[in-house]
Amino acid sequence: MLSIFKSIPTHMDYKGQKLAEQIFQGIILISAMIGFVYGLIIEQFGWTVYIVLAGFAVSCVLTLPPWPMYRKNPLSWQPVVPEVGGESSQKPQESLKKKKHK
């Protein structure tokens, strides 16, 4: 059962994050305008709130999961280069712990 969950990607690339933010803001803005106009016409503030909350729910469904449209531009990382030398084999934290400041 856990192997099913490990195969689900849980990341977005940077352009995907920007796209998700733009979609989120657009849906919230449009639902707020529609809710305001509709609430003004029928003179019920409650409907304005309901429409904005519905827009929020739709935007959450569209932007929170890492859909494939948010993973189209992955970063290409540089390959790991093994270090050559004696002292650099220590972890940076270990080398800092051994130094004594006077």
PDB file of N, CA and C in Angstrom:
ATOM      1  N   MET A   1       0.820  -1.193   0.000  1.00  0.00           N
ATOM      2  CA  MET A   1       0.000   0.000   0.000  1.00  0.00           C
ATOM      3  C   MET A   1       0.863   1.257   0.000  1.00  0.00           C
ATOM      4  N   LEU A   2       1.947   1.266   0.786  1.00  0.00           N
ATOM      5  CA  LEU A   2       2.814   2.433   0.837  1.00  0.00           C
ATOM      6  C   LEU A   2       3.558   2.660  -0.471  1.00  0.00           C
ATOM      7  N   SER A   3       3.837   1.581  -1.207  1.00  0.00           N
ATOM      8  CA  SER A   3       4.557   1.751  -2.474  1.00  0.00           C
ATOM      9  C   SER A   3       3.729   2.526  -3.488  1.00  0.00           C
ATOM     10  N   ILE A   4       2.418   2.478  -3.372  1.00  0.00           N
ATOM     11  CA  ILE A   4       1.555   3.263  -4.262  1.00  0.00           C
ATOM     12  C   ILE A   4       1.770   4.745  -4.008  1.00  0.00           C
ATOM     13  N   PHE A   5       1.853   5.129  -2.732  1.00  0.00           N
ATOM     14  CA  PHE A   5       2.016   6.530  -2.385  1.00  0.00           C
ATOM     15  C   PHE A   5       3.409   7.047  -2.705  1.00  0.00           C
ATOM     16  N   LYS A   6       4.404   6.174  -2.692  1.00  0.00           N
ATOM     17  CA  LYS A   6       5.764   6.603  -3.009  1.00  0.00           C
ATOM     18  C   LYS A   6       5.934   6.925  -4.486  1.00  0.00           C
ATOM     19  N   SER A   7       5.084   6.388  -5.336  1.00  0.00           N
ATOM     20  CA  SER A   7       5.207   6.636  -6.771  1.00  0.00           C
ATOM     21  C   SER A   7       4.515   7.928  -7.201  1.00  0.00           C
ATOM     22  N   ILE A   8       3.756   8.567  -6.306  1.00  0.00           N
ATOM     23  CA  ILE A   8       3.063   9.809  -6.643  1.00  0.00           C
ATOM     24  C   ILE A   8       4.038  10.974  -6.499  1.00  0.00           C
ATOM     25  N   PRO A   9       4.252  11.749  -7.571  1.00  0.00           N
ATOM     26  CA  PRO A   9       5.167  12.894  -7.458  1.00  0.00           C
ATOM     27  C   PRO A   9       4.564  13.976  -6.562  1.00  0.00           C
ATOM     28  N   THR A  10       5.412  14.594  -5.760  1.00  0.00           N
ATOM     29  CA  THR A  10       4.937  15.585  -4.795  1.00  0.00           C
ATOM     30  C   THR A  10       5.630  16.932  -4.965  1.00  0.00           C
ATOM     31  N   HIS A  11       6.102  17.238  -6.150  1.00  0.00           N
ATOM     32  CA  HIS A  11       6.836  18.477  -6.345  1.00  0.00           C
ATOM     33  C   HIS A  11       6.274  19.274  -7.516  1.00  0.00           C
ATOM     34  N   MET A  12       6.592  20.560  -7.525  1.00  0.00           N
ATOM     35  CA  MET A  12       6.308  21.452  -8.649  1.00  0.00           C
ATOM     36  C   MET A  12       7.621  22.140  -8.994  1.00  0.00           C
ATOM     37  N   ASP A  13       7.807  22.450 -10.267  1.00  0.00           N
ATOM     38  CA  ASP A  13       8.980  23.239 -10.613  1.00  0.00           C
ATOM     39  C   ASP A  13       8.649  24.723 -10.401  1.00  0.00           C
ATOM     40  N   TYR A  14       9.648  25.580 -10.603  1.00  0.00           N
ATOM     41  CA  TYR A  14       9.461  27.001 -10.311  1.00  0.00           C
ATOM     42  C   TYR A  14       8.437  27.657 -11.230  1.00  0.00           C
ATOM     43  N   LYS A  15       8.459  27.306 -12.494  1.00  0.00           N
ATOM     44  CA  LYS A  15       7.462  27.869 -13.413  1.00  0.00           C
ATOM     45  C   LYS A  15       6.070  27.351 -13.083  1.00  0.00           C
ATOM     46  N   GLY A  16       5.977  26.117 -12.633  1.00  0.00           N
ATOM     47  CA  GLY A  16       4.708  25.552 -12.203  1.00  0.00           C
ATOM     48  C   GLY A  16       4.161  26.254 -10.974  1.00  0.00           C
ATOM     49  N   GLN A  17       5.049  26.624 -10.047  1.00  0.00           N
ATOM     50  CA  GLN A  17       4.623  27.366  -8.865  1.00  0.00           C
ATOM     51  C   GLN A  17       4.082  28.735  -9.259  1.00  0.00           C
ATOM     52  N   LYS A  18       4.751  29.374 -10.212  1.00  0.00           N
ATOM     53  CA  LYS A  18       4.284  30.687 -10.681  1.00  0.00           C
ATOM     54  C   LYS A  18       2.923  30.554 -11.358  1.00  0.00           C
ATOM     55  N   LEU A  19       2.754  29.527 -12.172  1.00  0.00           N
ATOM     56  CA  LEU A  19       1.477  29.291 -12.841  1.00  0.00           C
ATOM     57  C   LEU A  19       0.372  29.008 -11.825  1.00  0.00           C
ATOM     58  N   ALA A  20       0.667  28.191 -10.824  1.00  0.00           N
ATOM     59  CA  ALA A  20      -0.323  27.881  -9.791  1.00  0.00           C
ATOM     60  C   ALA A  20      -0.732  29.148  -9.039  1.00  0.00           C
ATOM     61  N   GLU A  21       0.220  30.008  -8.740  1.00  0.00           N
ATOM     62  CA  GLU A  21      -0.088  31.260  -8.047  1.00  0.00           C
ATOM     63  C   GLU A  21      -0.962  32.165  -8.910  1.00  0.00           C
ATOM     64  N   GLN A  22      -0.660  32.243 -10.202  1.00  0.00           N
ATOM     65  CA  GLN A  22      -1.469  33.078 -11.100  1.00  0.00           C
ATOM     66  C   GLN A  22      -2.889  32.530 -11.239  1.00  0.00           C
ATOM     67  N   ILE A  23      -3.031  31.221 -11.344  1.00  0.00           N
ATOM     68  CA  ILE A  23      -4.361  30.612 -11.437  1.00  0.00           C
ATOM     69  C   ILE A  23      -5.144  30.860 -10.151  1.00  0.00           C
ATOM     70  N   PHE A  24      -4.488  30.676  -9.015  1.00  0.00           N
ATOM     71  CA  PHE A  24      -5.129  30.893  -7.717  1.00  0.00           C
ATOM     72  C   PHE A  24      -5.638  32.332  -7.592  1.00  0.00           C
ATOM     73  N   GLN A  25      -4.763  33.294  -7.893  1.00  0.00           N
ATOM     74  CA  GLN A  25      -5.157  34.698  -7.773  1.00  0.00           C
ATOM     75  C   GLN A  25      -6.261  35.055  -8.760  1.00  0.00           C
ATOM     76  N   GLY A  26      -6.190  34.529  -9.973  1.00  0.00           N
ATOM     77  CA  GLY A  26      -7.214  34.814 -10.970  1.00  0.00           C
ATOM     78  C   GLY A  26      -8.584  34.287 -10.563  1.00  0.00           C
ATOM     79  N   ILE A  27      -8.624  33.063 -10.078  1.00  0.00           N
ATOM     80  CA  ILE A  27      -9.907  32.478  -9.666  1.00  0.00           C
ATOM     81  C   ILE A  27     -10.489  33.236  -8.478  1.00  0.00           C
ATOM     82  N   ILE A  28      -9.646  33.582  -7.506  1.00  0.00           N
ATOM     83  CA  ILE A  28     -10.126  34.329  -6.344  1.00  0.00           C
ATOM     84  C   ILE A  28     -10.650  35.696  -6.773  1.00  0.00           C
ATOM     85  N   LEU A  29      -9.937  36.372  -7.640  1.00  0.00           N
ATOM     86  CA  LEU A  29     -10.358  37.696  -8.100  1.00  0.00           C
ATOM     87  C   LEU A  29     -11.681  37.623  -8.866  1.00  0.00           C
ATOM     88  N   ILE A  30     -11.787  36.678  -9.782  1.00  0.00           N
ATOM     89  CA  ILE A  30     -13.020  36.544 -10.578  1.00  0.00           C
ATOM     90  C   ILE A  30     -14.200  36.152  -9.698  1.00  0.00           C
ATOM     91  N   SER A  31     -13.984  35.214  -8.777  1.00  0.00           N
ATOM     92  CA  SER A  31     -15.095  34.816  -7.910  1.00  0.00           C
ATOM     93  C   SER A  31     -15.493  35.954  -6.973  1.00  0.00           C
ATOM     94  N   ALA A  32     -14.549  36.765  -6.539  1.00  0.00           N
ATOM     95  CA  ALA A  32     -14.879  37.907  -5.686  1.00  0.00           C
ATOM     96  C   ALA A  32     -15.703  38.941  -6.454  1.00  0.00           C
ATOM     97  N   MET A  33     -15.326  39.190  -7.698  1.00  0.00           N
ATOM     98  CA  MET A  33     -16.092  40.159  -8.501  1.00  0.00           C
ATOM     99  C   MET A  33     -17.500  39.638  -8.788  1.00  0.00           C
ATOM    100  N   ILE A  34     -17.592  38.368  -9.177  1.00  0.00           N
ATOM    101  CA  ILE A  34     -18.910  37.785  -9.451  1.00  0.00           C
ATOM    102  C   ILE A  34     -19.752  37.771  -8.178  1.00  0.00           C
ATOM    103  N   GLY A  35     -19.161  37.368  -7.071  1.00  0.00           N
ATOM    104  CA  GLY A  35     -19.880  37.340  -5.809  1.00  0.00           C
ATOM    105  C   GLY A  35     -20.347  38.709  -5.372  1.00  0.00           C
ATOM    106  N   PHE A  36     -19.492  39.720  -5.545  1.00  0.00           N
ATOM    107  CA  PHE A  36     -19.868  41.076  -5.166  1.00  0.00           C
ATOM    108  C   PHE A  36     -21.037  41.578  -6.007  1.00  0.00           C
ATOM    109  N   VAL A  37     -20.939  41.394  -7.323  1.00  0.00           N
ATOM    110  CA  VAL A  37     -22.013  41.865  -8.209  1.00  0.00           C
ATOM    111  C   VAL A  37     -23.313  41.115  -7.933  1.00  0.00           C
ATOM    112  N   TYR A  38     -23.239  39.796  -7.794  1.00  0.00           N
ATOM    113  CA  TYR A  38     -24.443  39.015  -7.533  1.00  0.00           C
ATOM    114  C   TYR A  38     -25.058  39.384  -6.186  1.00  0.00           C
ATOM    115  N   GLY A  39     -24.218  39.523  -5.153  1.00  0.00           N
ATOM    116  CA  GLY A  39     -24.712  39.908  -3.839  1.00  0.00           C
ATOM    117  C   GLY A  39     -25.316  41.300  -3.840  1.00  0.00           C
ATOM    118  N   LEU A  40     -24.748  42.193  -4.645  1.00  0.00           N
ATOM    119  CA  LEU A  40     -25.285  43.548  -4.755  1.00  0.00           C
ATOM    120  C   LEU A  40     -26.649  43.552  -5.442  1.00  0.00           C
ATOM    121  N   ILE A  41     -26.771  42.719  -6.487  1.00  0.00           N
ATOM    122  CA  ILE A  41     -28.038  42.664  -7.227  1.00  0.00           C
ATOM    123  C   ILE A  41     -29.154  42.097  -6.361  1.00  0.00           C
ATOM    124  N   ILE A  42     -28.889  40.998  -5.662  1.00  0.00           N
ATOM    125  CA  ILE A  42     -29.957  40.394  -4.854  1.00  0.00           C
ATOM    126  C   ILE A  42     -29.972  40.917  -3.416  1.00  0.00           C
ATOM    127  N   GLU A  43     -29.030  41.800  -3.098  1.00  0.00           N
ATOM    128  CA  GLU A  43     -28.931  42.431  -1.788  1.00  0.00           C
ATOM    129  C   GLU A  43     -28.782  41.415  -0.656  1.00  0.00           C
ATOM    130  N   GLN A  44     -27.944  40.437  -0.873  1.00  0.00           N
ATOM    131  CA  GLN A  44     -27.647  39.418   0.132  1.00  0.00           C
ATOM    132  C   GLN A  44     -26.125  39.223   0.210  1.00  0.00           C
ATOM    133  N   PHE A  45     -25.533  39.685   1.305  1.00  0.00           N
ATOM    134  CA  PHE A  45     -24.087  39.555   1.472  1.00  0.00           C
ATOM    135  C   PHE A  45     -23.674  38.089   1.630  1.00  0.00           C
ATOM    136  N   GLY A  46     -24.540  37.267   2.153  1.00  0.00           N
ATOM    137  CA  GLY A  46     -24.239  35.850   2.344  1.00  0.00           C
ATOM    138  C   GLY A  46     -23.881  35.152   1.045  1.00  0.00           C
ATOM    139  N   TRP A  47     -24.577  35.483  -0.031  1.00  0.00           N
ATOM    140  CA  TRP A  47     -24.277  34.877  -1.326  1.00  0.00           C
ATOM    141  C   TRP A  47     -22.909  35.309  -1.841  1.00  0.00           C
ATOM    142  N   THR A  48     -22.502  36.515  -1.511  1.00  0.00           N
ATOM    143  CA  THR A  48     -21.156  36.966  -1.882  1.00  0.00           C
ATOM    144  C   THR A  48     -20.113  36.070  -1.218  1.00  0.00           C
ATOM    145  N   VAL A  49     -20.312  35.815   0.056  1.00  0.00           N
ATOM    146  CA  VAL A  49     -19.375  34.966   0.792  1.00  0.00           C
ATOM    147  C   VAL A  49     -19.379  33.545   0.236  1.00  0.00           C
ATOM    148  N   TYR A  50     -20.559  33.008  -0.057  1.00  0.00           N
ATOM    149  CA  TYR A  50     -20.640  31.649  -0.609  1.00  0.00           C
ATOM    150  C   TYR A  50     -19.912  31.535  -1.946  1.00  0.00           C
ATOM    151  N   ILE A  51     -20.068  32.524  -2.790  1.00  0.00           N
ATOM    152  CA  ILE A  51     -19.419  32.477  -4.112  1.00  0.00           C
ATOM    153  C   ILE A  51     -17.905  32.589  -3.975  1.00  0.00           C
ATOM    154  N   VAL A  52     -17.444  33.458  -3.076  1.00  0.00           N
ATOM    155  CA  VAL A  52     -15.997  33.572  -2.859  1.00  0.00           C
ATOM    156  C   VAL A  52     -15.446  32.273  -2.271  1.00  0.00           C
ATOM    157  N   LEU A  53     -16.156  31.670  -1.341  1.00  0.00           N
ATOM    158  CA  LEU A  53     -15.703  30.387  -0.780  1.00  0.00           C
ATOM    159  C   LEU A  53     -15.692  29.279  -1.825  1.00  0.00           C
ATOM    160  N   ALA A  54     -16.674  29.281  -2.722  1.00  0.00           N
ATOM    161  CA  ALA A  54     -16.683  28.295  -3.807  1.00  0.00           C
ATOM    162  C   ALA A  54     -15.479  28.520  -4.727  1.00  0.00           C
ATOM    163  N   GLY A  55     -15.175  29.769  -5.024  1.00  0.00           N
ATOM    164  CA  GLY A  55     -13.988  30.075  -5.837  1.00  0.00           C
ATOM    165  C   GLY A  55     -12.716  29.638  -5.147  1.00  0.00           C
ATOM    166  N   PHE A  56     -12.660  29.824  -3.833  1.00  0.00           N
ATOM    167  CA  PHE A  56     -11.497  29.380  -3.068  1.00  0.00           C
ATOM    168  C   PHE A  56     -11.351  27.858  -3.137  1.00  0.00           C
ATOM    169  N   ALA A  57     -12.462  27.137  -2.999  1.00  0.00           N
ATOM    170  CA  ALA A  57     -12.419  25.670  -3.054  1.00  0.00           C
ATOM    171  C   ALA A  57     -11.960  25.191  -4.430  1.00  0.00           C
ATOM    172  N   VAL A  58     -12.488  25.809  -5.483  1.00  0.00           N
ATOM    173  CA  VAL A  58     -12.084  25.432  -6.848  1.00  0.00           C
ATOM    174  C   VAL A  58     -10.597  25.720  -7.055  1.00  0.00           C
ATOM    175  N   SER A  59     -10.142  26.876  -6.595  1.00  0.00           N
ATOM    176  CA  SER A  59      -8.726  27.221  -6.779  1.00  0.00           C
ATOM    177  C   SER A  59      -7.818  26.278  -5.987  1.00  0.00           C
ATOM    178  N   CYS A  60      -8.261  25.837  -4.823  1.00  0.00           N
ATOM    179  CA  CYS A  60      -7.463  24.875  -4.052  1.00  0.00           C
ATOM    180  C   CYS A  60      -7.345  23.540  -4.777  1.00  0.00           C
ATOM    181  N   VAL A  61      -8.443  23.079  -5.355  1.00  0.00           N
ATOM    182  CA  VAL A  61      -8.420  21.811  -6.089  1.00  0.00           C
ATOM    183  C   VAL A  61      -7.510  21.912  -7.316  1.00  0.00           C
ATOM    184  N   LEU A  62      -7.482  23.071  -7.943  1.00  0.00           N
ATOM    185  CA  LEU A  62      -6.676  23.234  -9.151  1.00  0.00           C
ATOM    186  C   LEU A  62      -5.208  23.524  -8.879  1.00  0.00           C
ATOM    187  N   THR A  63      -4.882  24.102  -7.730  1.00  0.00           N
ATOM    188  CA  THR A  63      -3.503  24.548  -7.532  1.00  0.00           C
ATOM    189  C   THR A  63      -2.729  23.817  -6.444  1.00  0.00           C
ATOM    190  N   LEU A  64      -3.373  23.212  -5.475  1.00  0.00           N
ATOM    191  CA  LEU A  64      -2.610  22.559  -4.405  1.00  0.00           C
ATOM    192  C   LEU A  64      -1.984  21.226  -4.810  1.00  0.00           C
ATOM    193  N   PRO A  65      -2.691  20.324  -5.485  1.00  0.00           N
ATOM    194  CA  PRO A  65      -2.014  19.078  -5.898  1.00  0.00           C
ATOM    195  C   PRO A  65      -0.980  19.365  -6.992  1.00  0.00           C
ATOM    196  N   PRO A  66       0.091  18.607  -7.023  1.00  0.00           N
ATOM    197  CA  PRO A  66       1.107  18.831  -8.062  1.00  0.00           C
ATOM    198  C   PRO A  66       0.699  18.192  -9.396  1.00  0.00           C
ATOM    199  N   TRP A  67      -0.263  18.770 -10.066  1.00  0.00           N
ATOM    200  CA  TRP A  67      -0.731  18.254 -11.354  1.00  0.00           C
ATOM    201  C   TRP A  67       0.413  18.254 -12.358  1.00  0.00           C
ATOM    202  N   PRO A  68       0.348  17.410 -13.397  1.00  0.00           N
ATOM    203  CA  PRO A  68       1.432  17.358 -14.389  1.00  0.00           C
ATOM    204  C   PRO A  68       1.705  18.687 -15.092  1.00  0.00           C
ATOM    205  N   MET A  69       0.709  19.553 -15.193  1.00  0.00           N
ATOM    206  CA  MET A  69       0.946  20.843 -15.860  1.00  0.00           C
ATOM    207  C   MET A  69       1.889  21.726 -15.046  1.00  0.00           C
ATOM    208  N   TYR A  70       2.101  21.413 -13.775  1.00  0.00           N
ATOM    209  CA  TYR A  70       3.016  22.178 -12.937  1.00  0.00           C
ATOM    210  C   TYR A  70       4.410  21.560 -12.884  1.00  0.00           C
ATOM    211  N   ARG A  71       4.639  20.477 -13.621  1.00  0.00           N
ATOM    212  CA  ARG A  71       5.935  19.793 -13.600  1.00  0.00           C
ATOM    213  C   ARG A  71       6.537  19.669 -14.994  1.00  0.00           C
ATOM    214  N   LYS A  72       6.285  20.628 -15.858  1.00  0.00           N
ATOM    215  CA  LYS A  72       6.772  20.542 -17.244  1.00  0.00           C
ATOM    216  C   LYS A  72       8.195  21.064 -17.420  1.00  0.00           C
ATOM    217  N   ASN A  73       8.724  21.816 -16.475  1.00  0.00           N
ATOM    218  CA  ASN A  73      10.045  22.438 -16.610  1.00  0.00           C
ATOM    219  C   ASN A  73      10.952  22.065 -15.441  1.00  0.00           C
ATOM    220  N   PRO A  74      11.379  20.795 -15.367  1.00  0.00           N
ATOM    221  CA  PRO A  74      12.227  20.401 -14.232  1.00  0.00           C
ATOM    222  C   PRO A  74      13.616  21.033 -14.332  1.00  0.00           C
ATOM    223  N   LEU A  75      14.239  21.229 -13.190  1.00  0.00           N
ATOM    224  CA  LEU A  75      15.601  21.751 -13.162  1.00  0.00           C
ATOM    225  C   LEU A  75      16.582  20.643 -13.508  1.00  0.00           C
ATOM    226  N   SER A  76      17.597  20.987 -14.274  1.00  0.00           N
ATOM    227  CA  SER A  76      18.644  20.000 -14.558  1.00  0.00           C
ATOM    228  C   SER A  76      19.809  20.302 -13.628  1.00  0.00           C
ATOM    229  N   TRP A  77      20.034  19.389 -12.704  1.00  0.00           N
ATOM    230  CA  TRP A  77      21.080  19.583 -11.711  1.00  0.00           C
ATOM    231  C   TRP A  77      22.418  19.141 -12.281  1.00  0.00           C
ATOM    232  N   GLN A  78      23.496  19.751 -11.778  1.00  0.00           N
ATOM    233  CA  GLN A  78      24.826  19.342 -12.202  1.00  0.00           C
ATOM    234  C   GLN A  78      25.162  18.008 -11.546  1.00  0.00           C
ATOM    235  N   PRO A  79      25.951  17.178 -12.238  1.00  0.00           N
ATOM    236  CA  PRO A  79      26.308  15.893 -11.627  1.00  0.00           C
ATOM    237  C   PRO A  79      27.233  16.097 -10.422  1.00  0.00           C
ATOM    238  N   VAL A  80      27.205  15.151  -9.512  1.00  0.00           N
ATOM    239  CA  VAL A  80      28.050  15.208  -8.320  1.00  0.00           C
ATOM    240  C   VAL A  80      29.476  14.910  -8.722  1.00  0.00           C
ATOM    241  N   VAL A  81      30.398  15.764  -8.287  1.00  0.00           N
ATOM    242  CA  VAL A  81      31.818  15.569  -8.567  1.00  0.00           C
ATOM    243  C   VAL A  81      32.480  15.107  -7.270  1.00  0.00           C
ATOM    244  N   PRO A  82      33.111  13.922  -7.284  1.00  0.00           N
ATOM    245  CA  PRO A  82      33.759  13.460  -6.050  1.00  0.00           C
ATOM    246  C   PRO A  82      34.935  14.365  -5.700  1.00  0.00           C
ATOM    247  N   GLU A  83      35.086  14.657  -4.401  1.00  0.00           N
ATOM    248  CA  GLU A  83      36.163  15.529  -3.952  1.00  0.00           C
ATOM    249  C   GLU A  83      37.455  14.740  -3.833  1.00  0.00           C
ATOM    250  N   VAL A  84      38.541  15.387  -4.187  1.00  0.00           N
ATOM    251  CA  VAL A  84      39.853  14.761  -4.073  1.00  0.00           C
ATOM    252  C   VAL A  84      40.609  15.521  -2.990  1.00  0.00           C
ATOM    253  N   GLY A  85      41.135  14.821  -2.008  1.00  0.00           N
ATOM    254  CA  GLY A  85      41.875  15.475  -0.938  1.00  0.00           C
ATOM    255  C   GLY A  85      41.565  14.834   0.391  1.00  0.00           C
ATOM    256  N   GLY A  86      42.381  15.142   1.384  1.00  0.00           N
ATOM    257  CA  GLY A  86      42.227  14.499   2.675  1.00  0.00           C
ATOM    258  C   GLY A  86      41.303  15.223   3.627  1.00  0.00           C
ATOM    259  N   GLU A  87      41.488  16.529   3.816  1.00  0.00           N
ATOM    260  CA  GLU A  87      40.738  17.254   4.830  1.00  0.00           C
ATOM    261  C   GLU A  87      39.285  17.499   4.455  1.00  0.00           C
ATOM    262  N   SER A  88      38.988  17.565   3.204  1.00  0.00           N
ATOM    263  CA  SER A  88      37.631  17.901   2.778  1.00  0.00           C
ATOM    264  C   SER A  88      36.659  16.739   2.930  1.00  0.00           C
ATOM    265  N   SER A  89      37.131  15.590   3.427  1.00  0.00           N
ATOM    266  CA  SER A  89      36.237  14.446   3.596  1.00  0.00           C
ATOM    267  C   SER A  89      35.327  14.607   4.808  1.00  0.00           C
ATOM    268  N   GLN A  90      35.645  15.559   5.712  1.00  0.00           N
ATOM    269  CA  GLN A  90      34.790  15.788   6.873  1.00  0.00           C
ATOM    270  C   GLN A  90      33.572  16.599   6.476  1.00  0.00           C
ATOM    271  N   LYS A  91      32.525  16.411   7.227  1.00  0.00           N
ATOM    272  CA  LYS A  91      31.333  17.209   7.017  1.00  0.00           C
ATOM    273  C   LYS A  91      31.608  18.621   7.523  1.00  0.00           C
ATOM    274  N   PRO A  92      30.980  19.627   6.938  1.00  0.00           N
ATOM    275  CA  PRO A  92      31.227  21.005   7.391  1.00  0.00           C
ATOM    276  C   PRO A  92      30.898  21.215   8.870  1.00  0.00           C
ATOM    277  N   GLN A  93      29.880  20.542   9.389  1.00  0.00           N
ATOM    278  CA  GLN A  93      29.522  20.722  10.786  1.00  0.00           C
ATOM    279  C   GLN A  93      30.620  20.171  11.699  1.00  0.00           C
ATOM    280  N   GLU A  94      31.220  19.061  11.295  1.00  0.00           N
ATOM    281  CA  GLU A  94      32.263  18.456  12.107  1.00  0.00           C
ATOM    282  C   GLU A  94      33.510  19.334  12.152  1.00  0.00           C
ATOM    283  N   SER A  95      33.848  19.938  11.025  1.00  0.00           N
ATOM    284  CA  SER A  95      35.024  20.788  11.001  1.00  0.00           C
ATOM    285  C   SER A  95      34.797  22.055  11.821  1.00  0.00           C
ATOM    286  N   LEU A  96      33.570  22.541  11.898  1.00  0.00           N
ATOM    287  CA  LEU A  96      33.268  23.721  12.697  1.00  0.00           C
ATOM    288  C   LEU A  96      33.319  23.391  14.185  1.00  0.00           C
ATOM    289  N   LYS A  97      32.905  22.186  14.563  1.00  0.00           N
ATOM    290  CA  LYS A  97      32.918  21.789  15.960  1.00  0.00           C
ATOM    291  C   LYS A  97      34.357  21.669  16.493  1.00  0.00           C
ATOM    292  N   LYS A  98      35.295  21.265  15.658  1.00  0.00           N
ATOM    293  CA  LYS A  98      36.677  21.062  16.099  1.00  0.00           C
ATOM    294  C   LYS A  98      37.413  22.377  16.284  1.00  0.00           C
ATOM    295  N   LYS A  99      36.985  23.462  15.609  1.00  0.00           N
ATOM    296  CA  LYS A  99      37.638  24.752  15.756  1.00  0.00           C
ATOM    297  C   LYS A  99      37.272  25.351  17.095  1.00  0.00           C
ATOM    298  N   LYS A 100      38.261  25.873  17.776  1.00  0.00           N
ATOM    299  CA  LYS A 100      38.021  26.549  19.048  1.00  0.00           C
ATOM    300  C   LYS A 100      38.302  28.033  18.870  1.00  0.00           C
ATOM    301  N   HIS A 101      37.319  28.814  19.215  1.00  0.00           N
ATOM    302  CA  HIS A 101      37.469  30.253  19.096  1.00  0.00           C
ATOM    303  C   HIS A 101      37.981  30.798  20.410  1.00  0.00           C
ATOM    304  N   LYS A 102      38.976  31.668  20.334  1.00  0.00           N
ATOM    305  CA  LYS A 102      39.562  32.232  21.569  1.00  0.00           C
ATOM    306  C   LYS A 102      39.139  33.659  21.740  1.00  0.00           C
TER     307      LYS A 102
END
